[in-house]
Amino acid sequence: MLAYHDIGSGIPLVLIHGLGSRKEAWKPQYELAARYRLIIPDLRGHGETSFNDSFTMQNFAKDIRNLIEYLRIPDAFICGLSLGGMVAQELYK
């Protein structure tokens, strides 16, 4: 399971960090929690999430999908930065 922050309320917005970063990189966007439910994970091998299996776009996307399902979120906006953008594209596929 991914380590994550779940803050705010409203429409869910998943923020996915870039390579070598962590969930805390999104702190400047925490003010969005006034309007959105921010779901901010640490990708596998980053921050507080341990490395397991392998680093592939498919695995990163699967981890995000599993987190969204675990949190029982039927729909969410996805925002990714750098590597996170590639993960967002894989989720879309």
Protein backbone atom coordinates (compact mmCIF):
# COMPACT_ATOMS: atom_id res chain seq x y z
CA MET A 1 0.00 0.00 0.00
CA LEU A 2 1.21 3.46 -0.84
CA ALA A 3 1.88 6.01 1.89
CA TYR A 4 -0.39 8.99 1.23
CA HIS A 5 -1.96 12.18 2.55
CA ASP A 6 -5.75 12.55 2.36
CA ILE A 7 -6.70 16.14 3.15
CA GLY A 8 -9.65 18.39 2.48
CA SER A 9 -13.08 17.61 1.14
CA GLY A 10 -14.93 17.94 -2.10
CA ILE A 11 -14.09 16.55 -5.51
CA PRO A 12 -11.11 14.16 -5.24
CA LEU A 13 -7.88 15.37 -6.83
CA VAL A 14 -4.96 12.93 -6.97
CA LEU A 15 -1.56 14.68 -7.08
CA ILE A 16 1.31 12.48 -8.31
CA HIS A 17 4.88 13.69 -7.73
CA GLY A 18 7.90 13.46 -10.03
CA LEU A 19 10.89 11.12 -10.06
CA GLY A 20 12.94 11.24 -6.86
CA SER A 21 10.34 13.39 -5.12
CA ARG A 22 7.71 12.66 -2.49
CA LYS A 23 4.21 13.64 -1.45
CA GLU A 24 5.46 16.64 0.56
CA ALA A 25 6.52 18.31 -2.70
CA TRP A 26 2.85 19.23 -3.13
CA LYS A 27 2.70 21.35 0.09
CA PRO A 28 2.32 24.60 -1.88
CA GLN A 29 -0.92 23.15 -3.28
CA TYR A 30 -2.40 22.20 0.11
CA GLU A 31 -4.53 25.36 -0.02
CA LEU A 32 -6.57 23.53 -2.69
CA ALA A 33 -7.91 21.38 0.17
CA ALA A 34 -10.42 24.17 0.77
CA ARG A 35 -12.20 23.04 -2.43
CA TYR A 36 -10.91 19.53 -3.16
CA ARG A 37 -10.17 16.27 -1.41
CA LEU A 38 -6.44 15.96 -2.05
CA ILE A 39 -5.07 12.44 -2.34
CA ILE A 40 -1.28 12.71 -2.41
CA PRO A 41 0.66 9.43 -2.52
CA ASP A 42 4.33 8.55 -2.37
CA LEU A 43 5.02 6.37 -5.39
CA ARG A 44 6.74 3.02 -4.80
CA GLY A 45 10.38 3.53 -3.86
CA HIS A 46 9.78 7.19 -2.94
CA GLY A 47 9.23 8.90 0.40
CA GLU A 48 7.53 6.62 2.91
CA THR A 49 6.53 3.94 0.38
CA SER A 50 8.94 1.04 0.15
CA PHE A 51 10.14 -0.44 -3.12
CA ASN A 52 8.39 -3.64 -4.16
CA ASP A 53 8.41 -5.53 -7.44
CA SER A 54 9.65 -3.18 -10.18
CA PHE A 55 9.56 0.40 -11.39
CA THR A 56 7.27 0.39 -14.43
CA MET A 57 4.59 2.82 -15.55
CA GLN A 58 2.11 -0.04 -15.37
CA ASN A 59 3.02 -0.76 -11.73
CA PHE A 60 2.94 2.92 -10.73
CA ALA A 61 -0.51 3.26 -12.35
CA LYS A 62 -1.72 0.02 -10.75
CA ASP A 63 -0.64 1.32 -7.33
CA ILE A 64 -2.61 4.55 -7.85
CA ARG A 65 -5.68 2.62 -9.06
CA ASN A 66 -5.46 0.35 -6.01
CA LEU A 67 -5.25 3.37 -3.70
CA ILE A 68 -8.26 5.01 -5.33
CA GLU A 69 -10.24 1.78 -5.01
CA TYR A 70 -9.11 1.33 -1.38
CA LEU A 71 -10.38 4.84 -0.60
CA ARG A 72 -13.66 4.02 -2.41
CA ILE A 73 -13.35 6.98 -4.75
CA PRO A 74 -15.48 6.42 -7.86
CA ASP A 75 -14.10 9.40 -9.85
CA ALA A 76 -11.18 11.75 -9.41
CA PHE A 77 -9.15 14.36 -11.20
CA ILE A 78 -5.56 13.25 -11.74
CA CYS A 79 -2.64 15.69 -11.80
CA GLY A 80 0.93 14.56 -12.32
CA LEU A 81 4.25 16.36 -12.47
CA SER A 82 7.04 14.94 -14.64
CA LEU A 83 7.06 11.19 -13.83
CA GLY A 84 3.65 11.75 -12.24
CA GLY A 85 2.38 13.02 -15.59
CA MET A 86 3.54 9.83 -17.25
CA VAL A 87 1.76 7.82 -14.54
CA ALA A 88 -1.39 9.89 -15.16
CA GLN A 89 -1.17 9.06 -18.88
CA GLU A 90 -0.81 5.36 -18.05
CA LEU A 91 -3.89 5.59 -15.82
CA TYR A 92 -5.78 7.12 -18.72
CA LYS A 93 -4.81 4.24 -21.01
